[in-house]
Amino acid sequence: MLVIKLLLLLVFMVVGASFAIINDAPVTVDLYFITPELPLSLLLLLALGCGILLGGLAGMVYFMRVKKENADLKRKTRLVNEEVKNLRTMPVKGR
């Protein structure tokens, strides 16, 4: 399995390197205040990195919300179990 992962990594590195070599034309990017001139491959990698970062942040927000909800449910379950235990140990009043 490790060999397959290494081969896939090597293939992606070769494809990425060839992509960077093919797309080396400079592109001007207008960012309102500055207009840098970057190679197209670098610009695409920066856009991909920003997308990954924003997607990770969005996923983290969702994960934290689910984690908080899970903790609340565990707390409620513990309280209900304690209440059931107390009700079972309570003496029953006879008629």
Protein backbone atom coordinates (compact mmCIF):
# COMPACT_ATOMS: atom_id res chain seq x y z
CA MET A 1 0.00 0.00 0.00
CA LEU A 2 2.89 2.34 0.78
CA VAL A 3 4.35 1.74 -2.68
CA ILE A 4 1.04 2.68 -4.32
CA LYS A 5 0.86 5.91 -2.30
CA LEU A 6 4.43 6.81 -3.23
CA LEU A 7 3.74 6.12 -6.91
CA LEU A 8 0.62 8.29 -6.82
CA LEU A 9 2.57 11.06 -5.11
CA LEU A 10 5.28 10.81 -7.76
CA VAL A 11 2.71 10.93 -10.57
CA PHE A 12 1.07 14.03 -9.05
CA MET A 13 4.45 15.71 -8.63
CA VAL A 14 5.39 15.03 -12.27
CA VAL A 15 2.01 16.28 -13.50
CA GLY A 16 2.30 19.37 -11.28
CA ALA A 17 5.83 20.12 -12.48
CA SER A 18 4.84 19.75 -16.12
CA PHE A 19 1.79 21.96 -15.47
CA ALA A 20 4.04 24.65 -13.99
CA ILE A 21 6.45 24.45 -16.93
CA ILE A 22 3.69 24.67 -19.53
CA ASN A 23 1.89 27.58 -17.82
CA ASP A 24 4.78 29.94 -17.17
CA ALA A 25 3.30 32.92 -19.06
CA PRO A 26 3.07 36.05 -16.90
CA VAL A 27 -0.44 37.23 -16.03
CA THR A 28 -1.34 40.63 -14.62
CA VAL A 29 -3.78 40.48 -11.70
CA ASP A 30 -5.73 43.61 -10.77
CA LEU A 31 -6.27 43.66 -6.99
CA TYR A 32 -7.65 47.25 -6.85
CA PHE A 33 -4.63 48.71 -5.04
CA ILE A 34 -1.81 46.72 -6.64
CA THR A 35 -1.43 44.89 -9.93
CA PRO A 36 1.22 42.17 -9.56
CA GLU A 37 2.43 40.19 -12.53
CA LEU A 38 2.62 36.49 -11.65
CA PRO A 39 3.12 33.30 -13.65
CA LEU A 40 -0.20 31.63 -14.45
CA SER A 41 0.76 28.40 -12.68
CA LEU A 42 1.60 30.29 -9.47
CA LEU A 43 -1.66 32.22 -9.66
CA LEU A 44 -3.64 28.99 -10.07
CA LEU A 45 -1.80 27.38 -7.16
CA LEU A 46 -2.53 30.42 -4.98
CA ALA A 47 -6.21 30.27 -5.94
CA LEU A 48 -6.28 26.54 -5.15
CA GLY A 49 -4.60 27.15 -1.79
CA CYS A 50 -7.08 29.89 -0.90
CA GLY A 51 -9.95 27.58 -1.83
CA ILE A 52 -8.57 24.79 0.32
CA LEU A 53 -8.07 27.19 3.22
CA LEU A 54 -11.59 28.65 2.99
CA GLY A 55 -13.11 25.18 2.61
CA GLY A 56 -11.19 23.99 5.66
CA LEU A 57 -12.41 26.95 7.71
CA ALA A 58 -16.00 26.32 6.65
CA GLY A 59 -15.65 22.64 7.52
CA MET A 60 -14.12 23.53 10.88
CA VAL A 61 -17.08 25.79 11.74
CA TYR A 62 -19.49 22.95 10.91
CA PHE A 63 -17.37 20.44 12.87
CA MET A 64 -17.27 22.67 15.96
CA ARG A 65 -21.05 23.15 15.84
CA VAL A 66 -21.65 19.39 15.61
CA LYS A 67 -19.13 18.76 18.40
CA LYS A 68 -20.93 21.24 20.69
CA GLU A 69 -24.30 19.67 19.87
CA ASN A 70 -22.87 16.22 20.62
CA ALA A 71 -21.56 17.40 24.01
CA ASP A 72 -24.97 18.90 24.84
CA LEU A 73 -26.70 15.64 23.95
CA LYS A 74 -24.27 13.62 26.07
CA ARG A 75 -24.90 15.93 29.02
CA LYS A 76 -28.67 15.60 28.60
CA THR A 77 -28.36 11.81 28.35
CA ARG A 78 -26.33 11.70 31.56
CA LEU A 79 -28.95 13.82 33.37
CA VAL A 80 -31.80 11.61 32.13
CA ASN A 81 -29.95 8.45 33.18
CA GLU A 82 -29.38 9.90 36.66
CA GLU A 83 -33.06 10.81 36.91
CA VAL A 84 -34.11 7.29 35.89
CA LYS A 85 -31.69 5.83 38.43
CA ASN A 86 -33.12 8.06 41.17
CA LEU A 87 -36.68 7.11 40.22
CA ARG A 88 -35.83 3.40 40.38
CA THR A 89 -34.34 3.70 43.84
CA MET A 90 -37.24 5.76 45.19
CA PRO A 91 -39.53 3.74 47.43
CA VAL A 92 -43.00 3.08 46.04
CA LYS A 93 -45.83 4.24 48.30
CA GLY A 94 -48.34 1.48 48.79
CA ARG A 95 -52.10 1.95 49.22
